[in-house]
PDB file of all heavy atoms in Angstrom:
ATOM      1  N   PRO A   1     194.388  92.676 170.468  1.00  0.00           N
ATOM      2  CA  PRO A   1     194.971  92.386 169.147  1.00  0.00           C
ATOM      3  C   PRO A   1     195.298  93.628 168.323  1.00  0.00           C
ATOM      4  O   PRO A   1     196.238  93.611 167.521  1.00  0.00           O
ATOM      5  CB  PRO A   1     193.885  91.542 168.464  1.00  0.00           C
ATOM      6  CG  PRO A   1     193.171  90.875 169.603  1.00  0.00           C
ATOM      7  CD  PRO A   1     193.179  91.882 170.716  1.00  0.00           C
ATOM      8  N   ARG A   2     194.556  94.688 168.535  1.00  0.00           N
ATOM      9  CA  ARG A   2     194.830  95.918 167.797  1.00  0.00           C
ATOM     10  C   ARG A   2     196.235  96.450 168.081  1.00  0.00           C
ATOM     11  O   ARG A   2     196.842  97.115 167.244  1.00  0.00           O
ATOM     12  CB  ARG A   2     193.782  96.978 168.159  1.00  0.00           C
ATOM     13  CG  ARG A   2     194.110  98.372 167.619  1.00  0.00           C
ATOM     14  CD  ARG A   2     192.991  99.335 167.821  1.00  0.00           C
ATOM     15  NE  ARG A   2     193.352 100.683 167.414  1.00  0.00           N
ATOM     16  CZ  ARG A   2     192.478 101.659 167.194  1.00  0.00           C
ATOM     17  NH1 ARG A   2     191.185 101.425 167.313  1.00  0.00           N
ATOM     18  NH2 ARG A   2     192.892 102.868 166.847  1.00  0.00           N
ATOM     19  N   HIS A   3     196.755  96.145 169.256  1.00  0.00           N
ATOM     20  CA  HIS A   3     198.048  96.688 169.662  1.00  0.00           C
ATOM     21  C   HIS A   3     199.238  95.807 169.286  1.00  0.00           C
ATOM     22  O   HIS A   3     200.378  96.161 169.577  1.00  0.00           O
ATOM     23  CB  HIS A   3     198.058  96.931 171.176  1.00  0.00           C
ATOM     24  CG  HIS A   3     197.111  98.006 171.608  1.00  0.00           C
ATOM     25  ND1 HIS A   3     196.453  97.983 172.816  1.00  0.00           N
ATOM     26  CD2 HIS A   3     196.700  99.138 170.979  1.00  0.00           C
ATOM     27  CE1 HIS A   3     195.692  99.052 172.918  1.00  0.00           C
ATOM     28  NE2 HIS A   3     195.825  99.770 171.817  1.00  0.00           N
ATOM     29  N   GLU A   4     198.971  94.683 168.664  1.00  0.00           N
ATOM     30  CA  GLU A   4     200.054  93.774 168.289  1.00  0.00           C
ATOM     31  C   GLU A   4     201.061  94.482 167.365  1.00  0.00           C
ATOM     32  O   GLU A   4     202.269  94.470 167.618  1.00  0.00           O
ATOM     33  CB  GLU A   4     199.483  92.544 167.598  1.00  0.00           C
ATOM     34  CG  GLU A   4     200.512  91.560 167.087  1.00  0.00           C
ATOM     35  CD  GLU A   4     201.153  90.739 168.185  1.00  0.00           C
ATOM     36  OE1 GLU A   4     200.630  90.751 169.318  1.00  0.00           O
ATOM     37  OE2 GLU A   4     202.168  90.089 167.904  1.00  0.00           O
ATOM     38  N   ALA A   5     200.560  95.095 166.310  1.00  0.00           N
ATOM     39  CA  ALA A   5     201.464  95.733 165.330  1.00  0.00           C
ATOM     40  C   ALA A   5     202.183  96.951 165.898  1.00  0.00           C
ATOM     41  O   ALA A   5     203.412  97.047 165.795  1.00  0.00           O
ATOM     42  CB  ALA A   5     200.689  96.094 164.070  1.00  0.00           C
ATOM     43  N   PRO A   6     201.465  97.919 166.490  1.00  0.00           N
ATOM     44  CA  PRO A   6     202.196  99.097 166.978  1.00  0.00           C
ATOM     45  C   PRO A   6     203.194  98.781 168.082  1.00  0.00           C
ATOM     46  O   PRO A   6     204.282  99.364 168.131  1.00  0.00           O
ATOM     47  CB  PRO A   6     201.091 100.035 167.475  1.00  0.00           C
ATOM     48  CG  PRO A   6     199.901  99.167 167.698  1.00  0.00           C
ATOM     49  CD  PRO A   6     200.009  98.076 166.671  1.00  0.00           C
ATOM     50  N   SER A   7     202.866  97.837 168.973  1.00  0.00           N
ATOM     51  CA  SER A   7     203.776  97.546 170.075  1.00  0.00           C
ATOM     52  C   SER A   7     205.025  96.808 169.613  1.00  0.00           C
ATOM     53  O   SER A   7     206.014  96.755 170.338  1.00  0.00           O
ATOM     54  CB  SER A   7     203.064  96.712 171.150  1.00  0.00           C
ATOM     55  OG  SER A   7     202.725  95.426 170.664  1.00  0.00           O
ATOM     56  N   ARG A   8     204.991  96.270 168.411  1.00  0.00           N
ATOM     57  CA  ARG A   8     206.154  95.602 167.840  1.00  0.00           C
ATOM     58  C   ARG A   8     206.906  96.493 166.854  1.00  0.00           C
ATOM     59  O   ARG A   8     207.854  96.054 166.197  1.00  0.00           O
ATOM     60  CB  ARG A   8     205.728  94.308 167.142  1.00  0.00           C
ATOM     61  CG  ARG A   8     205.223  93.248 168.103  1.00  0.00           C
ATOM     62  CD  ARG A   8     204.625  92.052 167.355  1.00  0.00           C
ATOM     63  NE  ARG A   8     205.630  91.376 166.538  1.00  0.00           N
ATOM     64  CZ  ARG A   8     206.420  90.409 166.979  1.00  0.00           C
ATOM     65  NH1 ARG A   8     206.339  90.005 168.231  1.00  0.00           N
ATOM     66  NH2 ARG A   8     207.281  89.828 166.170  1.00  0.00           N
ATOM     67  N   THR A   9     206.492  97.737 166.764  1.00  0.00           N
ATOM     68  CA  THR A   9     207.141  98.680 165.845  1.00  0.00           C
ATOM     69  C   THR A   9     208.413  99.229 166.478  1.00  0.00           C
ATOM     70  O   THR A   9     208.374  99.846 167.547  1.00  0.00           O
ATOM     71  CB  THR A   9     206.195  99.846 165.496  1.00  0.00           C
ATOM     72  OG1 THR A   9     205.015  99.326 164.894  1.00  0.00           O
ATOM     73  CG2 THR A   9     206.882 100.812 164.538  1.00  0.00           C
ATOM     74  N   VAL A  10     209.525  99.010 165.831  1.00  0.00           N
ATOM     75  CA  VAL A  10     210.807  99.505 166.323  1.00  0.00           C
ATOM     76  C   VAL A  10     210.943 100.977 165.955  1.00  0.00           C
ATOM     77  O   VAL A  10     210.855 101.344 164.783  1.00  0.00           O
ATOM     78  CB  VAL A  10     211.975  98.686 165.724  1.00  0.00           C
ATOM     79  CG1 VAL A  10     213.315  99.257 166.171  1.00  0.00           C
ATOM     80  CG2 VAL A  10     211.855  97.223 166.131  1.00  0.00           C
ATOM     81  N   ILE A  11     211.136 101.816 166.950  1.00  0.00           N
ATOM     82  CA  ILE A  11     211.279 103.259 166.756  1.00  0.00           C
ATOM     83  C   ILE A  11     212.760 103.609 166.850  1.00  0.00           C
ATOM     84  O   ILE A  11     213.375 103.437 167.902  1.00  0.00           O
ATOM     85  CB  ILE A  11     210.483 104.056 167.818  1.00  0.00           C
ATOM     86  CG1 ILE A  11     209.028 103.566 167.874  1.00  0.00           C
ATOM     87  CG2 ILE A  11     210.568 105.556 167.537  1.00  0.00           C
ATOM     88  CD1 ILE A  11     208.208 103.855 166.654  1.00  0.00           C
ATOM     89  N   GLY A  12     213.330 104.082 165.745  1.00  0.00           N
ATOM     90  CA  GLY A  12     214.760 104.353 165.713  1.00  0.00           C
ATOM     91  C   GLY A  12     215.226 105.319 166.787  1.00  0.00           C
ATOM     92  O   GLY A  12     216.311 105.161 167.352  1.00  0.00           O
ATOM     93  N   LEU A  13     214.391 106.313 167.094  1.00  0.00           N
ATOM     94  CA  LEU A  13     214.777 107.311 168.089  1.00  0.00           C
ATOM     95  C   LEU A  13     214.843 106.715 169.490  1.00  0.00           C
ATOM     96  O   LEU A  13     215.488 107.274 170.375  1.00  0.00           O
ATOM     97  CB  LEU A  13     213.778 108.475 168.071  1.00  0.00           C
ATOM     98  CG  LEU A  13     214.179 109.730 168.849  1.00  0.00           C
ATOM     99  CD1 LEU A  13     215.427 110.368 168.243  1.00  0.00           C
ATOM    100  CD2 LEU A  13     213.047 110.742 168.868  1.00  0.00           C
ATOM    101  N   PHE A  14     214.212 105.570 169.715  1.00  0.00           N
ATOM    102  CA  PHE A  14     214.223 104.918 171.026  1.00  0.00           C
ATOM    103  C   PHE A  14     215.404 103.959 171.183  1.00  0.00           C
ATOM    104  O   PHE A  14     215.491 103.262 172.200  1.00  0.00           O
ATOM    105  CB  PHE A  14     212.927 104.134 171.242  1.00  0.00           C
ATOM    106  CG  PHE A  14     211.680 104.978 171.292  1.00  0.00           C
ATOM    107  CD1 PHE A  14     210.428 104.390 171.160  1.00  0.00           C
ATOM    108  CD2 PHE A  14     211.741 106.353 171.474  1.00  0.00           C
ATOM    109  CE1 PHE A  14     209.272 105.154 171.213  1.00  0.00           C
ATOM    110  CE2 PHE A  14     210.588 107.126 171.514  1.00  0.00           C
ATOM    111  CZ  PHE A  14     209.348 106.524 171.384  1.00  0.00           C
ATOM    112  N   GLU A  15     216.307 103.918 170.205  1.00  0.00           N
ATOM    113  CA  GLU A  15     217.413 102.965 170.226  1.00  0.00           C
ATOM    114  C   GLU A  15     218.770 103.655 170.327  1.00  0.00           C
ATOM    115  O   GLU A  15     219.005 104.668 169.677  1.00  0.00           O
ATOM    116  CB  GLU A  15     217.399 102.104 168.966  1.00  0.00           C
ATOM    117  CG  GLU A  15     216.177 101.219 168.848  1.00  0.00           C
ATOM    118  CD  GLU A  15     216.307 100.241 167.700  1.00  0.00           C
ATOM    119  OE1 GLU A  15     216.713 100.671 166.599  1.00  0.00           O
ATOM    120  OE2 GLU A  15     216.024  99.053 167.890  1.00  0.00           O
ATOM    121  N   CYS A  16     219.657 103.073 171.128  1.00  0.00           N
ATOM    122  CA  CYS A  16     221.039 103.550 171.225  1.00  0.00           C
ATOM    123  C   CYS A  16     221.913 102.738 170.279  1.00  0.00           C
ATOM    124  O   CYS A  16     221.881 101.499 170.321  1.00  0.00           O
ATOM    125  CB  CYS A  16     221.553 103.407 172.655  1.00  0.00           C
ATOM    126  SG  CYS A  16     223.331 103.712 172.819  1.00  0.00           S
ATOM    127  N   PRO A  17     222.727 103.384 169.448  1.00  0.00           N
ATOM    128  CA  PRO A  17     223.579 102.644 168.505  1.00  0.00           C
ATOM    129  C   PRO A  17     224.684 101.843 169.175  1.00  0.00           C
ATOM    130  O   PRO A  17     225.314 101.016 168.525  1.00  0.00           O
ATOM    131  CB  PRO A  17     224.151 103.754 167.612  1.00  0.00           C
ATOM    132  CG  PRO A  17     224.072 104.995 168.427  1.00  0.00           C
ATOM    133  CD  PRO A  17     222.833 104.841 169.276  1.00  0.00           C
ATOM    134  N   SER A  18     224.925 102.058 170.460  1.00  0.00           N
ATOM    135  CA  SER A  18     225.970 101.314 171.166  1.00  0.00           C
ATOM    136  C   SER A  18     225.419 100.170 172.014  1.00  0.00           C
ATOM    137  O   SER A  18     226.150  99.594 172.823  1.00  0.00           O
ATOM    138  CB  SER A  18     226.779 102.258 172.079  1.00  0.00           C
ATOM    139  OG  SER A  18     227.593 103.118 171.322  1.00  0.00           O
ATOM    140  N   ASP A  19     224.156  99.825 171.826  1.00  0.00           N
ATOM    141  CA  ASP A  19     223.569  98.742 172.613  1.00  0.00           C
ATOM    142  C   ASP A  19     224.352  97.452 172.378  1.00  0.00           C
ATOM    143  O   ASP A  19     224.402  96.947 171.255  1.00  0.00           O
ATOM    144  CB  ASP A  19     222.110  98.548 172.207  1.00  0.00           C
ATOM    145  CG  ASP A  19     221.378  97.556 173.103  1.00  0.00           C
ATOM    146  OD1 ASP A  19     222.039  96.682 173.685  1.00  0.00           O
ATOM    147  OD2 ASP A  19     220.149  97.666 173.211  1.00  0.00           O
ATOM    148  N   PRO A  20     224.962  96.872 173.425  1.00  0.00           N
ATOM    149  CA  PRO A  20     225.782  95.671 173.246  1.00  0.00           C
ATOM    150  C   PRO A  20     224.969  94.408 172.995  1.00  0.00           C
ATOM    151  O   PRO A  20     225.522  93.390 172.576  1.00  0.00           O
ATOM    152  CB  PRO A  20     226.532  95.565 174.579  1.00  0.00           C
ATOM    153  CG  PRO A  20     225.606  96.195 175.561  1.00  0.00           C
ATOM    154  CD  PRO A  20     224.950  97.326 174.820  1.00  0.00           C
ATOM    155  N   GLU A  21     223.669  94.469 173.254  1.00  0.00           N
ATOM    156  CA  GLU A  21     222.823  93.291 173.086  1.00  0.00           C
ATOM    157  C   GLU A  21     222.088  93.283 171.758  1.00  0.00           C
ATOM    158  O   GLU A  21     221.322  92.363 171.480  1.00  0.00           O
ATOM    159  CB  GLU A  21     221.793  93.227 174.234  1.00  0.00           C
ATOM    160  CG  GLU A  21     222.408  93.042 175.605  1.00  0.00           C
ATOM    161  CD  GLU A  21     222.940  91.638 175.797  1.00  0.00           C
ATOM    162  OE1 GLU A  21     222.361  90.693 175.254  1.00  0.00           O
ATOM    163  OE2 GLU A  21     223.957  91.501 176.510  1.00  0.00           O
ATOM    164  N   GLY A  22     222.297  94.311 170.939  1.00  0.00           N
ATOM    165  CA  GLY A  22     221.554  94.399 169.691  1.00  0.00           C
ATOM    166  C   GLY A  22     220.231  95.098 169.907  1.00  0.00           C
ATOM    167  O   GLY A  22     219.723  95.200 171.017  1.00  0.00           O
ATOM    168  N   ARG A  23     219.645  95.573 168.838  1.00  0.00           N
ATOM    169  CA  ARG A  23     218.429  96.367 168.953  1.00  0.00           C
ATOM    170  C   ARG A  23     217.288  95.705 168.189  1.00  0.00           C
ATOM    171  O   ARG A  23     217.468  94.770 167.447  1.00  0.00           O
ATOM    172  CB  ARG A  23     218.693  97.785 168.421  1.00  0.00           C
ATOM    173  CG  ARG A  23     219.874  98.445 169.125  1.00  0.00           C
ATOM    174  CD  ARG A  23     220.073  99.877 168.674  1.00  0.00           C
ATOM    175  NE  ARG A  23     220.330 100.029 167.255  1.00  0.00           N
ATOM    176  CZ  ARG A  23     221.498  99.797 166.678  1.00  0.00           C
ATOM    177  NH1 ARG A  23     222.511  99.341 167.387  1.00  0.00           N
ATOM    178  NH2 ARG A  23     221.662  99.978 165.387  1.00  0.00           N
ATOM    179  N   GLY A  24     216.096  96.208 168.380  1.00  0.00           N
ATOM    180  CA  GLY A  24     214.936  95.657 167.703  1.00  0.00           C
ATOM    181  C   GLY A  24     213.911  95.164 168.704  1.00  0.00           C
ATOM    182  O   GLY A  24     213.638  95.811 169.706  1.00  0.00           O
ATOM    183  N   LEU A  25     213.339  93.986 168.443  1.00  0.00           N
ATOM    184  CA  LEU A  25     212.336  93.436 169.339  1.00  0.00           C
ATOM    185  C   LEU A  25     212.992  92.895 170.603  1.00  0.00           C
ATOM    186  O   LEU A  25     214.053  92.282 170.550  1.00  0.00           O
ATOM    187  CB  LEU A  25     211.559  92.311 168.645  1.00  0.00           C
ATOM    188  CG  LEU A  25     210.691  92.727 167.463  1.00  0.00           C
ATOM    189  CD1 LEU A  25     209.947  91.514 166.926  1.00  0.00           C
ATOM    190  CD2 LEU A  25     209.708  93.818 167.837  1.00  0.00           C
TER     191      LEU A  25
END
């Protein structure tokens, strides 16, 4: 349970702005 919040944290640097499927969770 301790990892619920951090593992759901969206890190902007880990995302490509051209992702055709959308970003986030």
